[in-house]
Amino acid sequence: MYAAAMGLVLIVAFVPLPSLTLKGKGAVRSAMAPAERGASSLWQRLSETMAAIRGIGGAVEKNRELSHELVQIQAELNRLRDVEADNLRLQRALDFQQAAPRKMIPCDVVSRNISGWWNTVRIGKGSRAGVRKNRAVISPDGLVGRTVEVSLMTSEVLLVSDPACRVSAKLARANVFGLVRGTGSTLKGEPKARMEFINKDVEIKVGDEIVTSGLSSASGEFPKGVHIGYVEKVYRDESGLFQYAELIPRATVGLLDYVFVMSDAGEEDR
C-alpha cells in the first residue's frame, strides 16, 4: 500500500492535467488516511501520557502540601490537649485548696531533681510568700514532702520518697501506727517508701491506705489524715518484733506541677 501511495503522489506531481491532479490528490488522501489516523492516535496517546506524568508530579507536590498541613493540625491538636489537661489540673488544685480545712500557700513546681532518684523539687515561692522550713507540702493526690531549704523567692521540697524524709503515719482503717521513710526509686524511676515499726500482731493487707498520723516527728510536723500511699507488700523484719510495708507514694508518681505548702504548723484555722 505504501508503494501505491508513493506512485499516486508522483503521478499527481508530474501530470499537469487538472482533473487528474484533483483525482490524484483525492486518491492520495484516501491512501494516506489510515496512516494519518494512526499518527494522530499515537500523538494523542503521547499527549495523554505526558499529561499523566505531569499529573503525577503535581499529585506528589499536593501530597507533600497535605502532609505538611496534617503535621501542623496534629501539632495544634496536641497543644489544645495540653491546654485542656493543664486547665483540668488547675481546676482540681483550686477545688482542693478551697475545700482544705487549713490555710495553704499555692506554689508551682519550677524544677525537679531527677538524677537517679525523685528526691527533691523546687517550688516558685519562698519566705516572701510565707513559706517556712519543715512545713508539709501536699497536693490533691496526697503528701508530697516537706520544705527543707527556703530562700526569699524559692524553696526546696524533700519528697516523701527520699531516704532522709520521715513521717509519722497510720493505717487509715485502724489506729495502727508506724514511721514512713523514703526508699528511693525503682529502676523505672518510680518513687518508693516504707512504713516501719508496725506491730507484728496487726493484720496489714495489700491495698491498705496509709495516712499521716498528725504526730510530730524529728523531721517536721504534718497535718493529720493526709494520704501518703497504698500498701504494696508486707514483710516481717529480721528481729521478728515488727512488720514493715512497702508503699507506693501516690502524690509523687506523676510529674508534679502544682503543690501547696501549709502556711503554719499549728492548729487548724477552721
C-alpha atoms as a PDB file:
ATOM      1  CA  MET A   1       0.000   0.000   0.000  1.00  0.00           C
ATOM      2  CA  TYR A   2       2.890   2.316   0.767  1.00  0.00           C
ATOM      3  CA  ALA A   3       4.337   1.846  -2.728  1.00  0.00           C
ATOM      4  CA  ALA A   4       0.966   2.511  -4.317  1.00  0.00           C
ATOM      5  CA  ALA A   5       0.582   5.653  -2.292  1.00  0.00           C
ATOM      6  CA  MET A   6       4.009   6.908  -3.386  1.00  0.00           C
ATOM      7  CA  GLY A   7       3.132   6.139  -7.025  1.00  0.00           C
ATOM      8  CA  LEU A   8      -0.015   8.202  -6.778  1.00  0.00           C
ATOM      9  CA  VAL A   9       1.945  11.060  -5.273  1.00  0.00           C
ATOM     10  CA  LEU A  10       4.396  11.028  -8.212  1.00  0.00           C
ATOM     11  CA  ILE A  11       1.575  10.935 -10.775  1.00  0.00           C
ATOM     12  CA  VAL A  12      -0.104  13.884  -9.163  1.00  0.00           C
ATOM     13  CA  ALA A  13       3.155  15.776  -9.011  1.00  0.00           C
ATOM     14  CA  PHE A  14       4.220  15.304 -12.683  1.00  0.00           C
ATOM     15  CA  VAL A  15       0.985  15.007 -14.616  1.00  0.00           C
ATOM     16  CA  PRO A  16      -0.283  18.533 -15.458  1.00  0.00           C
ATOM     17  CA  LEU A  17      -3.932  17.668 -16.146  1.00  0.00           C
ATOM     18  CA  PRO A  18      -6.105  19.472 -13.610  1.00  0.00           C
ATOM     19  CA  SER A  19      -8.718  16.701 -13.458  1.00  0.00           C
ATOM     20  CA  LEU A  20      -6.010  14.028 -12.996  1.00  0.00           C
ATOM     21  CA  THR A  21      -4.323  16.168 -10.383  1.00  0.00           C
ATOM     22  CA  LEU A  22      -7.551  16.533  -8.409  1.00  0.00           C
ATOM     23  CA  LYS A  23      -8.305  12.839  -8.715  1.00  0.00           C
ATOM     24  CA  GLY A  24      -4.725  12.021  -7.711  1.00  0.00           C
ATOM     25  CA  LYS A  25      -4.953  14.222  -4.651  1.00  0.00           C
ATOM     26  CA  GLY A  26      -8.141  12.503  -3.616  1.00  0.00           C
ATOM     27  CA  ALA A  27      -6.549   9.113  -4.087  1.00  0.00           C
ATOM     28  CA  VAL A  28      -3.505  10.188  -2.095  1.00  0.00           C
ATOM     29  CA  ARG A  29      -5.709  11.450   0.707  1.00  0.00           C
ATOM     30  CA  SER A  30      -7.626   8.189   0.728  1.00  0.00           C
ATOM     31  CA  ALA A  31      -4.433   6.159   0.727  1.00  0.00           C
ATOM     32  CA  MET A  32      -2.814   8.239   3.458  1.00  0.00           C
ATOM     33  CA  ALA A  33      -5.890   8.379   5.720  1.00  0.00           C
ATOM     34  CA  PRO A  34      -5.050   5.235   7.730  1.00  0.00           C
ATOM     35  CA  ALA A  35      -1.508   6.462   8.348  1.00  0.00           C
ATOM     36  CA  GLU A  36      -2.775   9.902   9.362  1.00  0.00           C
ATOM     37  CA  ARG A  37      -5.290   8.361  11.740  1.00  0.00           C
ATOM     38  CA  GLY A  38      -2.535   6.185  13.240  1.00  0.00           C
ATOM     39  CA  ALA A  39      -0.211   9.138  13.653  1.00  0.00           C
ATOM     40  CA  SER A  40      -2.997  11.203  15.222  1.00  0.00           C
ATOM     41  CA  SER A  41      -3.864   8.396  17.613  1.00  0.00           C
ATOM     42  CA  LEU A  42      -0.194   7.962  18.533  1.00  0.00           C
ATOM     43  CA  TRP A  43       0.189  11.696  19.159  1.00  0.00           C
ATOM     44  CA  GLN A  44      -2.927  11.720  21.319  1.00  0.00           C
ATOM     45  CA  ARG A  45      -1.622   8.841  23.399  1.00  0.00           C
ATOM     46  CA  LEU A  46       1.732  10.582  23.787  1.00  0.00           C
ATOM     47  CA  SER A  47      -0.031  13.779  24.871  1.00  0.00           C
ATOM     48  CA  GLU A  48      -2.125  11.864  27.383  1.00  0.00           C
ATOM     49  CA  THR A  49       0.990  10.120  28.717  1.00  0.00           C
ATOM     50  CA  MET A  50       2.809  13.431  29.169  1.00  0.00           C
ATOM     51  CA  ALA A  51      -0.223  14.900  30.903  1.00  0.00           C
ATOM     52  CA  ALA A  52      -0.360  11.890  33.192  1.00  0.00           C
ATOM     53  CA  ILE A  53       3.330  12.302  34.046  1.00  0.00           C
ATOM     54  CA  ARG A  54       2.762  15.973  34.798  1.00  0.00           C
ATOM     55  CA  GLY A  55      -0.258  14.981  36.867  1.00  0.00           C
ATOM     56  CA  ILE A  56       1.832  12.545  38.908  1.00  0.00           C
ATOM     57  CA  GLY A  57       4.315  15.273  39.663  1.00  0.00           C
ATOM     58  CA  GLY A  58       1.500  17.581  40.705  1.00  0.00           C
ATOM     59  CA  ALA A  59      -0.027  14.865  42.870  1.00  0.00           C
ATOM     60  CA  VAL A  60       3.299  14.345  44.648  1.00  0.00           C
ATOM     61  CA  GLU A  61       3.569  18.053  45.355  1.00  0.00           C
ATOM     62  CA  LYS A  62      -0.039  18.178  46.525  1.00  0.00           C
ATOM     63  CA  ASN A  63       0.547  15.180  48.752  1.00  0.00           C
ATOM     64  CA  ARG A  64       3.578  16.918  50.252  1.00  0.00           C
ATOM     65  CA  GLU A  65       1.498  20.020  50.985  1.00  0.00           C
ATOM     66  CA  LEU A  66      -1.263  17.931  52.570  1.00  0.00           C
ATOM     67  CA  SER A  67       1.280  16.099  54.743  1.00  0.00           C
ATOM     68  CA  HIS A  68       2.683  19.414  55.943  1.00  0.00           C
ATOM     69  CA  GLU A  69      -0.811  20.658  56.766  1.00  0.00           C
ATOM     70  CA  LEU A  70      -1.545  17.409  58.615  1.00  0.00           C
ATOM     71  CA  VAL A  71       1.574  17.839  60.756  1.00  0.00           C
ATOM     72  CA  GLN A  72       0.532  21.393  61.620  1.00  0.00           C
ATOM     73  CA  ILE A  73      -3.001  20.294  62.509  1.00  0.00           C
ATOM     74  CA  GLN A  74      -1.683  17.458  64.691  1.00  0.00           C
ATOM     75  CA  ALA A  75       0.671  19.848  66.497  1.00  0.00           C
ATOM     76  CA  GLU A  76      -2.192  22.264  67.162  1.00  0.00           C
ATOM     77  CA  LEU A  77      -4.377  19.412  68.388  1.00  0.00           C
ATOM     78  CA  ASN A  78      -1.657  18.291  70.795  1.00  0.00           C
ATOM     79  CA  ARG A  79      -1.275  21.860  72.047  1.00  0.00           C
ATOM     80  CA  LEU A  80      -5.005  22.138  72.697  1.00  0.00           C
ATOM     81  CA  ARG A  81      -4.967  18.819  74.541  1.00  0.00           C
ATOM     82  CA  ASP A  82      -2.120  20.067  76.720  1.00  0.00           C
ATOM     83  CA  VAL A  83      -4.035  23.273  77.445  1.00  0.00           C
ATOM     84  CA  GLU A  84      -7.137  21.296  78.366  1.00  0.00           C
ATOM     85  CA  ALA A  85      -5.159  18.966  80.650  1.00  0.00           C
ATOM     86  CA  ASP A  86      -3.461  21.961  82.278  1.00  0.00           C
ATOM     87  CA  ASN A  87      -6.819  23.629  82.866  1.00  0.00           C
ATOM     88  CA  LEU A  88      -8.164  20.459  84.468  1.00  0.00           C
ATOM     89  CA  ARG A  89      -5.150  20.261  86.802  1.00  0.00           C
ATOM     90  CA  LEU A  90      -5.547  23.915  87.751  1.00  0.00           C
ATOM     91  CA  GLN A  91      -9.250  23.463  88.430  1.00  0.00           C
ATOM     92  CA  ARG A  92      -8.557  20.381  90.548  1.00  0.00           C
ATOM     93  CA  ALA A  93      -5.902  22.250  92.520  1.00  0.00           C
ATOM     94  CA  LEU A  94      -8.261  25.197  93.059  1.00  0.00           C
ATOM     95  CA  ASP A  95     -11.056  22.934  94.261  1.00  0.00           C
ATOM     96  CA  PHE A  96      -8.628  21.202  96.609  1.00  0.00           C
ATOM     97  CA  GLN A  97      -7.430  24.496  98.064  1.00  0.00           C
ATOM     98  CA  GLN A  98     -10.958  25.773  98.622  1.00  0.00           C
ATOM     99  CA  ALA A  99     -12.008  22.547 100.347  1.00  0.00           C
ATOM    100  CA  ALA A 100      -8.910  22.300 102.567  1.00  0.00           C
ATOM    101  CA  PRO A 101      -9.509  22.835 106.322  1.00  0.00           C
ATOM    102  CA  ARG A 102      -6.252  24.756 106.716  1.00  0.00           C
ATOM    103  CA  LYS A 103      -4.731  27.758 105.046  1.00  0.00           C
ATOM    104  CA  MET A 104      -2.282  26.750 102.311  1.00  0.00           C
ATOM    105  CA  ILE A 105       0.126  28.568 100.013  1.00  0.00           C
ATOM    106  CA  PRO A 106      -0.241  27.526  96.345  1.00  0.00           C
ATOM    107  CA  CYS A 107       3.063  27.046  94.520  1.00  0.00           C
ATOM    108  CA  ASP A 108       4.173  25.981  91.073  1.00  0.00           C
ATOM    109  CA  VAL A 109       6.999  23.494  90.603  1.00  0.00           C
ATOM    110  CA  VAL A 110       9.871  25.165  88.747  1.00  0.00           C
ATOM    111  CA  SER A 111      12.448  22.341  88.665  1.00  0.00           C
ATOM    112  CA  ARG A 112      12.978  18.708  89.645  1.00  0.00           C
ATOM    113  CA  ASN A 113      15.994  16.741  90.756  1.00  0.00           C
ATOM    114  CA  ILE A 114      15.735  13.534  88.727  1.00  0.00           C
ATOM    115  CA  SER A 115      19.374  12.405  88.893  1.00  0.00           C
ATOM    116  CA  GLY A 116      18.635   8.753  89.635  1.00  0.00           C
ATOM    117  CA  TRP A 117      16.049   9.360  92.379  1.00  0.00           C
ATOM    118  CA  TRP A 118      12.973  11.562  92.653  1.00  0.00           C
ATOM    119  CA  ASN A 119      14.369  13.296  95.737  1.00  0.00           C
ATOM    120  CA  THR A 120      13.542  16.975  95.561  1.00  0.00           C
ATOM    121  CA  VAL A 121      11.587  19.587  93.687  1.00  0.00           C
ATOM    122  CA  ARG A 122      11.958  23.351  93.736  1.00  0.00           C
ATOM    123  CA  ILE A 123       8.862  25.500  94.110  1.00  0.00           C
ATOM    124  CA  GLY A 124       8.448  29.076  92.957  1.00  0.00           C
ATOM    125  CA  LYS A 125       7.674  30.674  96.335  1.00  0.00           C
ATOM    126  CA  GLY A 126       9.798  31.352  99.407  1.00  0.00           C
ATOM    127  CA  SER A 127       9.830  33.280 102.639  1.00  0.00           C
ATOM    128  CA  ARG A 128       8.383  36.393 100.991  1.00  0.00           C
ATOM    129  CA  ALA A 129       5.167  34.401 100.326  1.00  0.00           C
ATOM    130  CA  GLY A 130       5.121  32.946 103.856  1.00  0.00           C
ATOM    131  CA  VAL A 131       6.839  29.600 103.195  1.00  0.00           C
ATOM    132  CA  ARG A 132       8.808  28.300 106.182  1.00  0.00           C
ATOM    133  CA  LYS A 133      11.201  25.415 106.716  1.00  0.00           C
ATOM    134  CA  ASN A 134       9.884  21.954 107.678  1.00  0.00           C
ATOM    135  CA  ARG A 135       6.338  22.679 106.540  1.00  0.00           C
ATOM    136  CA  ALA A 136       4.237  19.961 104.964  1.00  0.00           C
ATOM    137  CA  VAL A 137       3.851  20.096 101.182  1.00  0.00           C
ATOM    138  CA  ILE A 138       0.760  18.425  99.763  1.00  0.00           C
ATOM    139  CA  SER A 139      -1.166  18.068  96.508  1.00  0.00           C
ATOM    140  CA  PRO A 140      -4.664  16.873  95.612  1.00  0.00           C
ATOM    141  CA  ASP A 141      -3.165  13.353  95.466  1.00  0.00           C
ATOM    142  CA  GLY A 142      -1.707  13.453  98.978  1.00  0.00           C
ATOM    143  CA  LEU A 143       1.532  14.144 100.806  1.00  0.00           C
ATOM    144  CA  VAL A 144       4.395  15.355  98.633  1.00  0.00           C
ATOM    145  CA  GLY A 145       7.066  16.002 101.259  1.00  0.00           C
ATOM    146  CA  ARG A 146       8.363  18.885 103.360  1.00  0.00           C
ATOM    147  CA  THR A 147      10.292  22.092 102.830  1.00  0.00           C
ATOM    148  CA  VAL A 148      13.986  21.798 103.689  1.00  0.00           C
ATOM    149  CA  GLU A 149      15.538  24.976 102.278  1.00  0.00           C
ATOM    150  CA  VAL A 150      13.747  28.302 101.959  1.00  0.00           C
ATOM    151  CA  SER A 151      15.066  31.394 100.208  1.00  0.00           C
ATOM    152  CA  LEU A 152      13.343  34.682  99.551  1.00  0.00           C
ATOM    153  CA  MET A 153      11.731  33.595  96.260  1.00  0.00           C
ATOM    154  CA  THR A 154      12.046  29.776  96.059  1.00  0.00           C
ATOM    155  CA  SER A 155      12.049  26.703  98.291  1.00  0.00           C
ATOM    156  CA  GLU A 156      13.407  23.150  98.088  1.00  0.00           C
ATOM    157  CA  VAL A 157      10.989  20.331  98.882  1.00  0.00           C
ATOM    158  CA  LEU A 158      12.237  16.943 100.079  1.00  0.00           C
ATOM    159  CA  LEU A 159       9.907  14.297  98.655  1.00  0.00           C
ATOM    160  CA  VAL A 160       8.392  11.606 100.818  1.00  0.00           C
ATOM    161  CA  SER A 161      10.296   9.058  98.714  1.00  0.00           C
ATOM    162  CA  ASP A 162      13.680  10.470  99.793  1.00  0.00           C
ATOM    163  CA  PRO A 163      15.527   8.312 102.385  1.00  0.00           C
ATOM    164  CA  ALA A 164      16.033  11.423 104.540  1.00  0.00           C
ATOM    165  CA  CYS A 165      12.295  12.037 104.838  1.00  0.00           C
ATOM    166  CA  ARG A 166      10.486  10.649 107.917  1.00  0.00           C
ATOM    167  CA  VAL A 167       6.738  10.882 108.506  1.00  0.00           C
ATOM    168  CA  SER A 168       4.679   9.606 111.430  1.00  0.00           C
ATOM    169  CA  ALA A 169       1.856   7.566 109.844  1.00  0.00           C
ATOM    170  CA  LYS A 170      -1.010   5.179 110.499  1.00  0.00           C
ATOM    171  CA  LEU A 171      -3.399   2.859 108.721  1.00  0.00           C
ATOM    172  CA  ALA A 172      -6.456   4.756 107.580  1.00  0.00           C
ATOM    173  CA  ARG A 173      -8.817   1.991 108.708  1.00  0.00           C
ATOM    174  CA  ALA A 174      -7.352   1.474 112.196  1.00  0.00           C
ATOM    175  CA  ASN A 175      -5.201   3.099 114.855  1.00  0.00           C
ATOM    176  CA  VAL A 176      -2.098   1.204 113.802  1.00  0.00           C
ATOM    177  CA  PHE A 177       0.925   3.481 113.807  1.00  0.00           C
ATOM    178  CA  GLY A 178       4.345   3.406 112.255  1.00  0.00           C
ATOM    179  CA  LEU A 179       7.028   5.537 110.655  1.00  0.00           C
ATOM    180  CA  VAL A 180       7.178   6.129 106.893  1.00  0.00           C
ATOM    181  CA  ARG A 181      10.513   6.836 105.273  1.00  0.00           C
ATOM    182  CA  GLY A 182      11.560   7.061 101.661  1.00  0.00           C
ATOM    183  CA  THR A 183      13.460   4.266  99.959  1.00  0.00           C
ATOM    184  CA  GLY A 184      14.426   5.970  96.701  1.00  0.00           C
ATOM    185  CA  SER A 185      13.007   4.782  93.415  1.00  0.00           C
ATOM    186  CA  THR A 186      12.647   1.749  91.212  1.00  0.00           C
ATOM    187  CA  LEU A 187      14.676   1.109  88.056  1.00  0.00           C
ATOM    188  CA  LYS A 188      11.812   2.758  86.169  1.00  0.00           C
ATOM    189  CA  GLY A 189      12.210   5.929  88.242  1.00  0.00           C
ATOM    190  CA  GLU A 190       9.031   5.350  90.263  1.00  0.00           C
ATOM    191  CA  PRO A 191       9.264   6.540  93.901  1.00  0.00           C
ATOM    192  CA  LYS A 192       9.115   4.128  96.826  1.00  0.00           C
ATOM    193  CA  ALA A 193       8.583   4.389 100.569  1.00  0.00           C
ATOM    194  CA  ARG A 194       8.337   2.047 103.536  1.00  0.00           C
ATOM    195  CA  MET A 195       6.242   2.067 106.708  1.00  0.00           C
ATOM    196  CA  GLU A 196       8.290   0.629 109.572  1.00  0.00           C
ATOM    197  CA  PHE A 197       7.798  -0.367 113.230  1.00  0.00           C
ATOM    198  CA  ILE A 198       4.314  -1.763 112.724  1.00  0.00           C
ATOM    199  CA  ASN A 199       3.017  -4.029 115.482  1.00  0.00           C
ATOM    200  CA  LYS A 200       3.704  -7.630 114.437  1.00  0.00           C
ATOM    201  CA  ASP A 201       0.268  -8.808 115.598  1.00  0.00           C
ATOM    202  CA  VAL A 202      -1.691  -6.396 113.394  1.00  0.00           C
ATOM    203  CA  GLU A 203      -3.090  -7.669 110.100  1.00  0.00           C
ATOM    204  CA  ILE A 204      -1.980  -5.477 107.215  1.00  0.00           C
ATOM    205  CA  LYS A 205      -3.430  -6.049 103.776  1.00  0.00           C
ATOM    206  CA  VAL A 206      -2.115  -5.197 100.355  1.00  0.00           C
ATOM    207  CA  GLY A 207      -4.001  -2.118  99.219  1.00  0.00           C
ATOM    208  CA  ASP A 208      -4.426  -0.638 102.721  1.00  0.00           C
ATOM    209  CA  GLU A 209      -4.288   3.146 102.713  1.00  0.00           C
ATOM    210  CA  ILE A 210      -1.600   4.864 104.769  1.00  0.00           C
ATOM    211  CA  VAL A 211      -2.153   8.425 106.032  1.00  0.00           C
ATOM    212  CA  THR A 212      -0.311  10.890 108.239  1.00  0.00           C
ATOM    213  CA  SER A 213      -0.969  10.418 111.956  1.00  0.00           C
ATOM    214  CA  GLY A 214      -0.660  14.069 112.907  1.00  0.00           C
ATOM    215  CA  LEU A 215       2.030  13.287 115.489  1.00  0.00           C
ATOM    216  CA  SER A 216       5.231  15.301 115.463  1.00  0.00           C
ATOM    217  CA  SER A 217       8.441  13.720 114.264  1.00  0.00           C
ATOM    218  CA  ALA A 218      12.069  14.765 114.190  1.00  0.00           C
ATOM    219  CA  SER A 219      11.811  15.805 110.537  1.00  0.00           C
ATOM    220  CA  GLY A 220       8.765  18.033 110.872  1.00  0.00           C
ATOM    221  CA  GLU A 221       5.094  18.245 111.665  1.00  0.00           C
ATOM    222  CA  PHE A 222       2.442  17.067 109.232  1.00  0.00           C
ATOM    223  CA  PRO A 223      -1.331  17.575 109.409  1.00  0.00           C
ATOM    224  CA  LYS A 224      -3.420  14.573 110.337  1.00  0.00           C
ATOM    225  CA  GLY A 225      -5.127  12.338 107.792  1.00  0.00           C
ATOM    226  CA  VAL A 226      -3.188  13.311 104.650  1.00  0.00           C
ATOM    227  CA  HIS A 227      -2.944  10.449 102.181  1.00  0.00           C
ATOM    228  CA  ILE A 228       0.574   9.034 101.738  1.00  0.00           C
ATOM    229  CA  GLY A 229       0.150   5.891  99.659  1.00  0.00           C
ATOM    230  CA  TYR A 230      -1.066   2.303  99.483  1.00  0.00           C
ATOM    231  CA  VAL A 231       0.499  -0.886 100.799  1.00  0.00           C
ATOM    232  CA  GLU A 232       2.129  -2.920  98.043  1.00  0.00           C
ATOM    233  CA  LYS A 233       3.892  -5.672 100.043  1.00  0.00           C
ATOM    234  CA  VAL A 234       4.157  -6.686 103.715  1.00  0.00           C
ATOM    235  CA  TYR A 235       7.235  -8.208 105.433  1.00  0.00           C
ATOM    236  CA  ARG A 236       8.387  -9.247 108.922  1.00  0.00           C
ATOM    237  CA  ASP A 237      11.629  -7.583 109.972  1.00  0.00           C
ATOM    238  CA  GLU A 238      14.696  -9.597 110.971  1.00  0.00           C
ATOM    239  CA  SER A 239      14.077  -9.203 114.698  1.00  0.00           C
ATOM    240  CA  GLY A 240      10.576 -10.612 114.364  1.00  0.00           C
ATOM    241  CA  LEU A 241       9.218  -7.861 116.610  1.00  0.00           C
ATOM    242  CA  PHE A 242       7.748  -5.630 113.906  1.00  0.00           C
ATOM    243  CA  GLN A 243       6.357  -5.654 110.417  1.00  0.00           C
ATOM    244  CA  TYR A 244       7.104  -3.257 107.620  1.00  0.00           C
ATOM    245  CA  ALA A 245       5.150  -2.469 104.465  1.00  0.00           C
ATOM    246  CA  GLU A 246       6.349  -1.316 101.066  1.00  0.00           C
ATOM    247  CA  LEU A 247       4.316   1.672  99.865  1.00  0.00           C
ATOM    248  CA  ILE A 248       3.549   3.375  96.583  1.00  0.00           C
ATOM    249  CA  PRO A 249       3.522   7.144  97.297  1.00  0.00           C
ATOM    250  CA  ARG A 250       0.697   8.339  95.101  1.00  0.00           C
ATOM    251  CA  ALA A 251       1.438  12.066  95.112  1.00  0.00           C
ATOM    252  CA  THR A 252       4.944  11.651  93.660  1.00  0.00           C
ATOM    253  CA  VAL A 253       4.189   9.062  90.965  1.00  0.00           C
ATOM    254  CA  GLY A 254       3.404  11.628  88.256  1.00  0.00           C
ATOM    255  CA  LEU A 255       5.147  14.848  87.336  1.00  0.00           C
ATOM    256  CA  LEU A 256       4.176  17.490  89.869  1.00  0.00           C
ATOM    257  CA  ASP A 257       3.067  20.850  88.513  1.00  0.00           C
ATOM    258  CA  TYR A 258       1.238  22.490  91.430  1.00  0.00           C
ATOM    259  CA  VAL A 259       1.635  21.901  95.162  1.00  0.00           C
ATOM    260  CA  PHE A 260       0.536  23.542  98.401  1.00  0.00           C
ATOM    261  CA  VAL A 261       2.621  24.439 101.449  1.00  0.00           C
ATOM    262  CA  MET A 262       0.975  24.535 104.842  1.00  0.00           C
ATOM    263  CA  SER A 263       1.169  28.151 105.970  1.00  0.00           C
ATOM    264  CA  ASP A 264       1.547  27.212 109.640  1.00  0.00           C
ATOM    265  CA  ALA A 265       2.307  24.171 111.743  1.00  0.00           C
ATOM    266  CA  GLY A 266      -0.129  24.961 114.491  1.00  0.00           C
ATOM    267  CA  GLU A 267      -3.782  24.214 114.945  1.00  0.00           C
ATOM    268  CA  GLU A 268      -6.232  24.172 112.067  1.00  0.00           C
ATOM    269  CA  ASP A 269      -7.500  27.592 111.053  1.00  0.00           C
ATOM    270  CA  ARG A 270     -11.068  26.400 110.666  1.00  0.00           C
END
